[in-house]
Amino acid sequence: MTKFRKLNRPTGHRMSMLRTMVSQLVKHERIETTVAKGTLCAARRAGAFVRGDDVIHKLFTELAYRYKDRAGGYTRMLRTRIRVGDAAPMAYIEFIDRENELRQAKPPTPPPPQRPTVDPWTRSRLTRQYAPPKEEKISDSGS
């Protein structure tokens, strides 16, 4: 029994695909893939998988500094849609606390002004007084 999914691919193809996915995740900080492939994409093992000097540099400088106080949980998977054609569930895999994700806090909105309370007796009188007139039924006697 295997410890991971084989994704119906030969070993070389599977490893190449996972290396490319991890490299693209580090480079772009967000990728869209199928859920089955996404669960295998573990960022903590990225050091052995990444391709490209610029990706390795970003991993060990920018991302290492960003997540230095975090013990784990660097990525999240957001399920997005069902792919047309083969109905594979798709998901975004992204690093949490991305730079373009952080936003300035909005000032709190003031509460709406409170209307004065009306006792139930006055409320019932007002609703009867300002209610639209009832339409009378016209009966045809069949003449």
N, C-alpha and C. Protein backbone atom coordinates (compact mmCIF):
# COMPACT_ATOMS: atom_id res chain seq x y z
N MET A 1 0.85 -1.18 0.00
CA MET A 1 0.00 0.00 0.00
C MET A 1 0.89 1.24 0.00
N THR A 2 0.59 2.19 -0.84
CA THR A 2 1.42 3.39 -0.94
C THR A 2 1.01 4.41 0.11
N LYS A 3 1.93 5.31 0.43
CA LYS A 3 1.66 6.35 1.41
C LYS A 3 1.09 7.61 0.77
N PHE A 4 1.03 7.65 -0.54
CA PHE A 4 0.51 8.83 -1.23
C PHE A 4 -0.17 8.38 -2.51
N ARG A 5 -0.90 9.29 -3.10
CA ARG A 5 -1.60 8.97 -4.35
C ARG A 5 -0.63 8.92 -5.51
N LYS A 6 -0.90 8.03 -6.43
CA LYS A 6 -0.04 7.92 -7.60
C LYS A 6 -0.55 8.76 -8.76
N LEU A 7 -1.79 9.24 -8.67
CA LEU A 7 -2.39 10.11 -9.67
C LEU A 7 -2.39 9.51 -11.07
N ASN A 8 -2.34 8.20 -11.15
CA ASN A 8 -2.43 7.48 -12.43
C ASN A 8 -1.34 7.91 -13.41
N ARG A 9 -0.12 8.12 -12.88
CA ARG A 9 1.01 8.54 -13.71
C ARG A 9 2.24 7.73 -13.33
N PRO A 10 3.18 7.60 -14.26
CA PRO A 10 4.46 6.96 -13.91
C PRO A 10 5.23 7.83 -12.91
N THR A 11 6.17 7.23 -12.21
CA THR A 11 6.89 7.93 -11.15
C THR A 11 7.59 9.18 -11.65
N GLY A 12 8.29 9.11 -12.76
CA GLY A 12 9.00 10.27 -13.27
C GLY A 12 8.08 11.42 -13.62
N HIS A 13 6.97 11.10 -14.26
CA HIS A 13 6.01 12.14 -14.63
C HIS A 13 5.38 12.76 -13.39
N ARG A 14 5.03 11.92 -12.41
CA ARG A 14 4.41 12.41 -11.18
C ARG A 14 5.36 13.32 -10.42
N MET A 15 6.62 12.93 -10.27
CA MET A 15 7.58 13.75 -9.54
C MET A 15 7.85 15.06 -10.28
N SER A 16 7.93 15.00 -11.60
CA SER A 16 8.13 16.21 -12.38
C SER A 16 6.96 17.17 -12.22
N MET A 17 5.74 16.62 -12.25
CA MET A 17 4.55 17.45 -12.09
C MET A 17 4.51 18.11 -10.72
N LEU A 18 4.83 17.34 -9.67
CA LEU A 18 4.81 17.89 -8.32
C LEU A 18 5.90 18.94 -8.13
N ARG A 19 7.08 18.71 -8.70
CA ARG A 19 8.15 19.71 -8.62
C ARG A 19 7.73 21.01 -9.30
N THR A 20 7.12 20.88 -10.46
CA THR A 20 6.66 22.07 -11.18
C THR A 20 5.58 22.80 -10.39
N MET A 21 4.65 22.05 -9.81
CA MET A 21 3.58 22.69 -9.03
C MET A 21 4.13 23.43 -7.83
N VAL A 22 5.06 22.83 -7.11
CA VAL A 22 5.63 23.49 -5.93
C VAL A 22 6.44 24.71 -6.35
N SER A 23 7.19 24.61 -7.45
CA SER A 23 7.96 25.76 -7.92
C SER A 23 7.04 26.91 -8.31
N GLN A 24 5.94 26.60 -8.99
CA GLN A 24 5.00 27.64 -9.39
C GLN A 24 4.28 28.23 -8.17
N LEU A 25 4.01 27.41 -7.16
CA LEU A 25 3.39 27.91 -5.94
C LEU A 25 4.31 28.90 -5.23
N VAL A 26 5.59 28.57 -5.15
CA VAL A 26 6.54 29.48 -4.50
C VAL A 26 6.71 30.74 -5.33
N LYS A 27 6.75 30.61 -6.63
CA LYS A 27 6.98 31.76 -7.50
C LYS A 27 5.78 32.71 -7.52
N HIS A 28 4.59 32.18 -7.69
CA HIS A 28 3.40 33.02 -7.84
C HIS A 28 2.57 33.13 -6.56
N GLU A 29 2.86 32.33 -5.57
CA GLU A 29 2.19 32.28 -4.28
C GLU A 29 0.74 31.84 -4.37
N ARG A 30 0.28 31.44 -5.55
CA ARG A 30 -1.07 30.91 -5.71
C ARG A 30 -1.16 30.15 -7.02
N ILE A 31 -1.70 28.94 -6.98
CA ILE A 31 -1.89 28.16 -8.21
C ILE A 31 -3.28 27.53 -8.16
N GLU A 32 -3.80 27.19 -9.33
CA GLU A 32 -5.06 26.46 -9.39
C GLU A 32 -4.77 25.06 -9.93
N THR A 33 -5.26 24.07 -9.23
CA THR A 33 -5.02 22.69 -9.60
C THR A 33 -6.19 21.85 -9.14
N THR A 34 -6.16 20.57 -9.42
CA THR A 34 -7.23 19.69 -8.94
C THR A 34 -7.02 19.42 -7.46
N VAL A 35 -8.08 19.02 -6.79
CA VAL A 35 -7.99 18.77 -5.36
C VAL A 35 -7.07 17.60 -5.07
N ALA A 36 -7.11 16.55 -5.89
CA ALA A 36 -6.26 15.37 -5.67
C ALA A 36 -4.79 15.74 -5.75
N LYS A 37 -4.42 16.56 -6.74
CA LYS A 37 -3.02 16.98 -6.85
C LYS A 37 -2.67 17.97 -5.75
N GLY A 38 -3.62 18.78 -5.35
CA GLY A 38 -3.36 19.81 -4.35
C GLY A 38 -3.07 19.27 -2.97
N THR A 39 -3.67 18.15 -2.61
CA THR A 39 -3.41 17.60 -1.29
C THR A 39 -2.00 17.05 -1.19
N LEU A 40 -1.39 16.70 -2.33
CA LEU A 40 -0.02 16.20 -2.31
C LEU A 40 1.00 17.33 -2.26
N CYS A 41 0.59 18.52 -2.59
CA CYS A 41 1.52 19.65 -2.73
C CYS A 41 1.83 20.21 -1.35
N ALA A 42 2.83 19.70 -0.69
CA ALA A 42 3.18 20.12 0.66
C ALA A 42 4.32 21.13 0.60
N ALA A 43 4.08 22.32 1.09
CA ALA A 43 5.09 23.37 1.01
C ALA A 43 6.28 23.10 1.93
N ARG A 44 6.08 22.32 2.98
CA ARG A 44 7.20 22.08 3.90
C ARG A 44 8.27 21.20 3.28
N ARG A 45 7.95 20.48 2.20
CA ARG A 45 8.94 19.66 1.51
C ARG A 45 9.44 20.34 0.25
N ALA A 46 9.19 21.62 0.13
CA ALA A 46 9.48 22.33 -1.11
C ALA A 46 10.98 22.46 -1.36
N GLY A 47 11.79 22.45 -0.34
CA GLY A 47 13.23 22.61 -0.53
C GLY A 47 13.83 21.55 -1.43
N ALA A 48 13.29 20.35 -1.39
CA ALA A 48 13.80 19.27 -2.23
C ALA A 48 13.17 19.27 -3.61
N PHE A 49 12.12 20.04 -3.81
CA PHE A 49 11.37 19.97 -5.05
C PHE A 49 11.56 21.15 -5.98
N VAL A 50 11.88 22.32 -5.46
CA VAL A 50 11.80 23.53 -6.28
C VAL A 50 12.80 23.52 -7.42
N ARG A 51 12.44 24.21 -8.49
CA ARG A 51 13.29 24.34 -9.67
C ARG A 51 13.52 25.81 -9.92
N GLY A 52 14.72 26.17 -10.25
CA GLY A 52 15.03 27.55 -10.62
C GLY A 52 15.68 28.31 -9.48
N ASP A 53 16.71 29.07 -9.81
CA ASP A 53 17.44 29.82 -8.79
C ASP A 53 16.59 30.93 -8.20
N ASP A 54 15.77 31.59 -9.03
CA ASP A 54 14.94 32.68 -8.52
C ASP A 54 13.90 32.16 -7.53
N VAL A 55 13.40 30.95 -7.76
CA VAL A 55 12.41 30.37 -6.86
C VAL A 55 13.07 29.99 -5.53
N ILE A 56 14.25 29.39 -5.60
CA ILE A 56 14.97 29.02 -4.37
C ILE A 56 15.32 30.27 -3.58
N HIS A 57 15.75 31.32 -4.26
CA HIS A 57 16.08 32.57 -3.59
C HIS A 57 14.85 33.14 -2.87
N LYS A 58 13.71 33.15 -3.55
CA LYS A 58 12.48 33.67 -2.93
C LYS A 58 12.06 32.81 -1.75
N LEU A 59 12.22 31.49 -1.88
CA LEU A 59 11.82 30.58 -0.81
C LEU A 59 12.64 30.82 0.45
N PHE A 60 13.95 30.95 0.30
CA PHE A 60 14.80 31.04 1.49
C PHE A 60 15.03 32.47 1.97
N THR A 61 14.60 33.47 1.26
CA THR A 61 14.73 34.85 1.76
C THR A 61 13.37 35.41 2.13
N GLU A 62 12.55 35.68 1.14
CA GLU A 62 11.27 36.35 1.39
C GLU A 62 10.29 35.49 2.19
N LEU A 63 10.06 34.26 1.75
CA LEU A 63 9.09 33.41 2.42
C LEU A 63 9.58 32.93 3.78
N ALA A 64 10.86 32.64 3.89
CA ALA A 64 11.40 32.22 5.19
C ALA A 64 11.26 33.33 6.22
N TYR A 65 11.51 34.57 5.80
CA TYR A 65 11.36 35.70 6.72
C TYR A 65 9.89 35.91 7.09
N ARG A 66 9.00 35.75 6.13
CA ARG A 66 7.58 35.98 6.37
C ARG A 66 7.00 34.97 7.36
N TYR A 67 7.46 33.72 7.30
CA TYR A 67 6.89 32.67 8.13
C TYR A 67 7.82 32.21 9.24
N LYS A 68 8.76 33.04 9.66
CA LYS A 68 9.73 32.61 10.67
C LYS A 68 9.09 32.32 12.03
N ASP A 69 7.99 33.00 12.36
CA ASP A 69 7.34 32.80 13.66
C ASP A 69 6.24 31.75 13.61
N ARG A 70 6.00 31.16 12.46
CA ARG A 70 4.91 30.19 12.30
C ARG A 70 5.49 28.78 12.33
N ALA A 71 4.87 27.91 13.11
CA ALA A 71 5.37 26.54 13.25
C ALA A 71 4.88 25.63 12.13
N GLY A 72 3.83 25.99 11.44
CA GLY A 72 3.29 25.17 10.36
C GLY A 72 2.06 25.83 9.79
N GLY A 73 1.43 25.19 8.84
CA GLY A 73 0.22 25.73 8.23
C GLY A 73 0.50 26.93 7.35
N TYR A 74 1.39 26.77 6.38
CA TYR A 74 1.79 27.88 5.52
C TYR A 74 0.87 28.06 4.32
N THR A 75 0.12 27.04 3.97
CA THR A 75 -0.72 27.11 2.78
C THR A 75 -2.17 26.81 3.15
N ARG A 76 -3.06 27.20 2.25
CA ARG A 76 -4.46 26.83 2.39
C ARG A 76 -4.98 26.41 1.03
N MET A 77 -6.01 25.59 1.04
CA MET A 77 -6.60 25.11 -0.20
C MET A 77 -8.05 25.56 -0.23
N LEU A 78 -8.41 26.35 -1.24
CA LEU A 78 -9.76 26.86 -1.40
C LEU A 78 -10.41 26.14 -2.59
N ARG A 79 -11.41 25.36 -2.33
CA ARG A 79 -12.09 24.65 -3.42
C ARG A 79 -12.90 25.66 -4.22
N THR A 80 -12.76 25.60 -5.56
CA THR A 80 -13.36 26.64 -6.38
C THR A 80 -14.51 26.15 -7.26
N ARG A 81 -14.30 25.14 -8.06
CA ARG A 81 -15.30 24.79 -9.06
C ARG A 81 -15.12 23.34 -9.48
N ILE A 82 -16.01 22.88 -10.32
CA ILE A 82 -15.90 21.58 -10.96
C ILE A 82 -15.47 21.84 -12.40
N ARG A 83 -14.38 21.23 -12.84
CA ARG A 83 -13.85 21.48 -14.18
C ARG A 83 -14.77 20.89 -15.24
N VAL A 84 -15.04 21.69 -16.27
CA VAL A 84 -15.85 21.23 -17.38
C VAL A 84 -15.03 20.23 -18.19
N GLY A 85 -15.62 19.15 -18.56
CA GLY A 85 -14.91 18.15 -19.37
C GLY A 85 -14.77 16.84 -18.63
N ASP A 86 -14.11 16.87 -17.47
CA ASP A 86 -13.94 15.63 -16.73
C ASP A 86 -14.52 15.71 -15.31
N ALA A 87 -15.14 16.82 -14.97
CA ALA A 87 -15.80 17.02 -13.67
C ALA A 87 -14.84 16.83 -12.50
N ALA A 88 -13.58 17.22 -12.68
CA ALA A 88 -12.61 17.13 -11.58
C ALA A 88 -12.79 18.34 -10.67
N PRO A 89 -12.83 18.13 -9.35
CA PRO A 89 -12.95 19.28 -8.45
C PRO A 89 -11.65 20.09 -8.46
N MET A 90 -11.77 21.39 -8.65
CA MET A 90 -10.61 22.28 -8.73
C MET A 90 -10.47 23.05 -7.42
N ALA A 91 -9.24 23.51 -7.15
CA ALA A 91 -8.98 24.27 -5.93
C ALA A 91 -7.81 25.20 -6.16
N TYR A 92 -7.79 26.31 -5.42
CA TYR A 92 -6.64 27.19 -5.37
C TYR A 92 -5.79 26.78 -4.18
N ILE A 93 -4.49 26.69 -4.38
CA ILE A 93 -3.56 26.49 -3.29
C ILE A 93 -2.76 27.76 -3.19
N GLU A 94 -2.72 28.35 -2.01
CA GLU A 94 -2.02 29.62 -1.87
C GLU A 94 -1.37 29.72 -0.50
N PHE A 95 -0.33 30.53 -0.43
CA PHE A 95 0.28 30.82 0.85
C PHE A 95 -0.63 31.75 1.63
N ILE A 96 -0.73 31.54 2.93
CA ILE A 96 -1.51 32.46 3.74
C ILE A 96 -0.67 33.70 4.00
N ASP A 97 -1.30 34.78 4.34
CA ASP A 97 -0.65 36.07 4.61
C ASP A 97 0.14 36.56 3.41
N ARG A 98 -0.44 36.47 2.22
CA ARG A 98 0.23 37.01 1.04
C ARG A 98 0.22 38.53 1.12
N GLU A 99 1.19 39.16 0.47
CA GLU A 99 1.32 40.61 0.55
C GLU A 99 0.12 41.33 -0.04
N ASN A 100 -0.34 40.91 -1.22
CA ASN A 100 -1.47 41.60 -1.83
C ASN A 100 -2.79 41.22 -1.19
N GLU A 101 -2.77 40.28 -0.26
CA GLU A 101 -3.98 39.87 0.43
C GLU A 101 -4.23 40.76 1.65
N LEU A 102 -3.17 41.30 2.22
CA LEU A 102 -3.31 42.13 3.41
C LEU A 102 -3.94 43.46 3.03
N ARG A 103 -4.94 43.87 3.78
CA ARG A 103 -5.66 45.11 3.49
C ARG A 103 -5.66 46.00 4.72
N GLN A 104 -5.88 47.28 4.48
CA GLN A 104 -6.01 48.22 5.59
C GLN A 104 -7.37 48.00 6.26
N ALA A 105 -7.39 48.17 7.56
CA ALA A 105 -8.64 48.00 8.29
C ALA A 105 -9.56 49.19 8.01
N LYS A 106 -10.82 48.90 7.79
CA LYS A 106 -11.80 49.95 7.54
C LYS A 106 -12.27 50.51 8.88
N PRO A 107 -12.57 51.80 8.93
CA PRO A 107 -13.13 52.33 10.17
C PRO A 107 -14.53 51.75 10.38
N PRO A 108 -14.92 51.52 11.61
CA PRO A 108 -16.24 50.92 11.84
C PRO A 108 -17.35 51.87 11.41
N THR A 109 -18.40 51.30 10.87
CA THR A 109 -19.53 52.12 10.45
C THR A 109 -20.38 52.49 11.66
N PRO A 110 -20.87 53.71 11.72
CA PRO A 110 -21.69 54.09 12.88
C PRO A 110 -23.02 53.34 12.84
N PRO A 111 -23.58 53.05 14.00
CA PRO A 111 -24.86 52.34 14.03
C PRO A 111 -25.97 53.25 13.49
N PRO A 112 -27.02 52.69 12.92
CA PRO A 112 -28.11 53.52 12.41
C PRO A 112 -28.82 54.22 13.57
N PRO A 113 -29.39 55.39 13.32
CA PRO A 113 -30.06 56.11 14.41
C PRO A 113 -31.29 55.33 14.89
N GLN A 114 -31.51 55.37 16.18
CA GLN A 114 -32.63 54.66 16.78
C GLN A 114 -33.91 55.47 16.65
N ARG A 115 -34.97 54.82 16.21
CA ARG A 115 -36.26 55.49 16.15
C ARG A 115 -36.91 55.43 17.53
N PRO A 116 -37.69 56.44 17.86
CA PRO A 116 -38.35 56.39 19.17
C PRO A 116 -39.34 55.23 19.22
N THR A 117 -39.40 54.59 20.36
CA THR A 117 -40.30 53.44 20.49
C THR A 117 -41.73 53.93 20.69
N VAL A 118 -42.66 53.20 20.14
CA VAL A 118 -44.08 53.54 20.24
C VAL A 118 -44.76 52.41 20.97
N ASP A 119 -45.62 52.76 21.94
CA ASP A 119 -46.29 51.71 22.69
C ASP A 119 -47.26 50.96 21.77
N PRO A 120 -47.60 49.72 22.08
CA PRO A 120 -48.43 48.90 21.19
C PRO A 120 -49.81 49.50 20.89
N TRP A 121 -50.44 50.17 21.87
CA TRP A 121 -51.77 50.73 21.65
C TRP A 121 -51.72 51.82 20.58
N THR A 122 -50.72 52.72 20.65
CA THR A 122 -50.59 53.79 19.67
C THR A 122 -50.23 53.21 18.31
N ARG A 123 -49.39 52.21 18.29
CA ARG A 123 -49.00 51.59 17.02
C ARG A 123 -50.21 50.99 16.31
N SER A 124 -51.10 50.31 17.05
CA SER A 124 -52.27 49.71 16.41
C SER A 124 -53.21 50.79 15.89
N ARG A 125 -53.35 51.90 16.60
CA ARG A 125 -54.20 53.00 16.12
C ARG A 125 -53.62 53.60 14.85
N LEU A 126 -52.28 53.79 14.81
CA LEU A 126 -51.66 54.40 13.64
C LEU A 126 -51.77 53.49 12.42
N THR A 127 -51.62 52.19 12.60
CA THR A 127 -51.70 51.30 11.45
C THR A 127 -53.12 51.26 10.90
N ARG A 128 -54.13 51.34 11.78
CA ARG A 128 -55.51 51.38 11.28
C ARG A 128 -55.81 52.70 10.59
N GLN A 129 -55.26 53.79 11.13
CA GLN A 129 -55.55 55.11 10.58
C GLN A 129 -54.92 55.30 9.21
N TYR A 130 -53.68 54.82 9.02
CA TYR A 130 -52.96 55.05 7.77
C TYR A 130 -52.95 53.83 6.84
N ALA A 131 -53.76 52.85 7.13
CA ALA A 131 -53.81 51.66 6.27
C ALA A 131 -54.52 52.01 4.97
N PRO A 132 -54.12 51.38 3.86
CA PRO A 132 -54.82 51.66 2.60
C PRO A 132 -56.26 51.17 2.68
N PRO A 133 -57.16 51.84 1.97
CA PRO A 133 -58.57 51.44 2.05
C PRO A 133 -58.77 50.05 1.45
N LYS A 134 -59.68 49.31 2.07
CA LYS A 134 -59.97 47.96 1.59
C LYS A 134 -60.89 48.05 0.39
N GLU A 135 -60.63 47.19 -0.58
CA GLU A 135 -61.48 47.16 -1.76
C GLU A 135 -62.73 46.34 -1.47
N GLU A 136 -63.85 46.85 -1.92
CA GLU A 136 -65.10 46.14 -1.71
C GLU A 136 -65.32 45.16 -2.85
N LYS A 137 -65.84 44.02 -2.52
CA LYS A 137 -66.12 43.02 -3.54
C LYS A 137 -67.39 43.41 -4.28
N ILE A 138 -67.33 43.33 -5.59
CA ILE A 138 -68.50 43.59 -6.41
C ILE A 138 -69.12 42.24 -6.75
N SER A 139 -70.35 42.08 -6.35
CA SER A 139 -70.98 40.78 -6.58
C SER A 139 -71.90 40.87 -7.79
N ASP A 140 -71.71 39.95 -8.69
CA ASP A 140 -72.60 39.85 -9.85
C ASP A 140 -73.73 38.90 -9.48
N SER A 141 -74.91 39.38 -9.63
CA SER A 141 -76.05 38.53 -9.30
C SER A 141 -76.50 37.68 -10.48
N GLY A 142 -75.83 37.83 -11.60
CA GLY A 142 -76.10 36.99 -12.74
C GLY A 142 -77.28 37.45 -13.57
N SER A 143 -77.67 38.72 -13.56
CA SER A 143 -78.81 39.18 -14.34
C SER A 143 -78.49 39.40 -15.77
